[in-house]
Amino acid sequence: MAVLSISITTTQQESLKELINTGMYGNVSEAVREAIRLLLKQKEAETYKQWFNKEVKKGLADVKNKRFSKKTFTQLIDEVGDQYKDR
């Protein structure tokens, strides 16, 4: 594993000590690795949320402009399945 030197505030240092003293983490490295994992997960969720919101807006615009099918979900699934039967 790589060794990294970072600067943190006194408050952050106290928070890390508390997390270790309560047994939540065994050492500072464990706590920092978990913080990085959570940060990456949060960024991934934000990216997904942006994509999702964009797709919802596109869908709402389609409905507003009457660009939609009157077929049921089951009918659409059946059509898609039929397209792949011959493959």
Protein backbone atom coordinates (compact mmCIF):
# COMPACT_ATOMS: atom_id res chain seq x y z
CA MET A 1 0.00 0.00 0.00
CA ALA A 2 1.10 3.54 -0.70
CA VAL A 3 1.93 5.89 2.15
CA LEU A 4 0.45 9.38 1.98
CA SER A 5 0.97 12.43 4.13
CA ILE A 6 -2.04 14.75 4.45
CA SER A 7 -2.92 17.87 6.39
CA ILE A 8 -6.20 17.95 8.29
CA THR A 9 -7.80 20.38 10.71
CA THR A 10 -7.72 19.89 14.45
CA THR A 11 -11.46 19.17 14.37
CA GLN A 12 -10.97 16.47 11.73
CA GLN A 13 -8.14 14.95 13.77
CA GLU A 14 -10.35 14.87 16.87
CA SER A 15 -13.14 13.25 14.87
CA LEU A 16 -10.74 10.56 13.62
CA LYS A 17 -9.53 9.89 17.17
CA GLU A 18 -13.14 9.56 18.34
CA LEU A 19 -13.95 7.09 15.55
CA ILE A 20 -10.95 4.99 16.54
CA ASN A 21 -11.59 5.24 20.30
CA THR A 22 -15.18 4.07 19.87
CA GLY A 23 -13.92 1.04 17.97
CA MET A 24 -15.62 2.00 14.73
CA TYR A 25 -12.22 1.88 12.98
CA GLY A 26 -8.99 0.23 14.02
CA ASN A 27 -6.75 3.08 12.93
CA VAL A 28 -6.61 6.33 10.97
CA SER A 29 -5.83 4.54 7.70
CA GLU A 30 -9.00 2.44 7.94
CA ALA A 31 -11.11 5.55 8.58
CA VAL A 32 -9.55 7.49 5.72
CA ARG A 33 -9.95 4.57 3.29
CA GLU A 34 -13.61 4.31 4.25
CA ALA A 35 -14.03 8.07 3.78
CA ILE A 36 -12.57 7.78 0.27
CA ARG A 37 -14.85 4.82 -0.56
CA LEU A 38 -17.88 6.80 0.60
CA LEU A 39 -16.80 9.87 -1.36
CA LEU A 40 -16.44 7.81 -4.55
CA LYS A 41 -19.82 6.19 -3.94
CA GLN A 42 -21.39 9.61 -3.41
CA LYS A 43 -19.86 10.92 -6.66
CA GLU A 44 -21.17 7.88 -8.53
CA ALA A 45 -24.65 8.43 -7.08
CA GLU A 46 -24.54 12.10 -8.09
CA THR A 47 -23.56 11.16 -11.65
CA TYR A 48 -26.45 8.67 -11.79
CA LYS A 49 -28.85 11.27 -10.37
CA GLN A 50 -27.83 13.79 -13.04
CA TRP A 51 -28.31 11.18 -15.78
CA PHE A 52 -31.67 10.12 -14.34
CA ASN A 53 -32.95 13.71 -14.10
CA LYS A 54 -31.88 14.36 -17.69
CA GLU A 55 -33.74 11.25 -18.88
CA VAL A 56 -36.88 12.21 -16.94
CA LYS A 57 -36.82 15.68 -18.54
CA LYS A 58 -36.47 14.08 -21.98
CA GLY A 59 -39.40 11.79 -21.21
CA LEU A 60 -41.57 14.64 -20.00
CA ALA A 61 -40.74 16.64 -23.13
CA ASP A 62 -41.72 13.63 -25.25
CA VAL A 63 -45.06 13.39 -23.48
CA LYS A 64 -45.64 17.13 -23.81
CA ASN A 65 -44.92 16.91 -27.55
CA LYS A 66 -47.09 13.78 -27.88
CA ARG A 67 -44.12 11.57 -28.76
CA PHE A 68 -45.14 8.39 -26.99
CA SER A 69 -46.65 5.01 -27.67
CA LYS A 70 -50.13 3.98 -26.64
CA LYS A 71 -48.96 0.37 -26.35
CA THR A 72 -48.84 -1.28 -22.95
CA PHE A 73 -45.57 -2.17 -21.32
CA THR A 74 -46.27 -5.84 -21.98
CA GLN A 75 -46.86 -5.16 -25.68
CA LEU A 76 -43.58 -3.30 -25.94
CA ILE A 77 -41.70 -6.11 -24.18
CA ASP A 78 -43.30 -8.66 -26.51
CA GLU A 79 -42.18 -6.62 -29.54
CA VAL A 80 -38.64 -6.39 -28.29
CA GLY A 81 -38.63 -10.11 -27.56
CA ASP A 82 -39.88 -10.84 -31.10
CA GLN A 83 -36.97 -8.87 -32.55
CA TYR A 84 -34.48 -11.15 -30.80
CA LYS A 85 -36.19 -14.49 -31.53
CA ASP A 86 -34.61 -14.76 -34.98
CA ARG A 87 -31.05 -14.15 -33.72
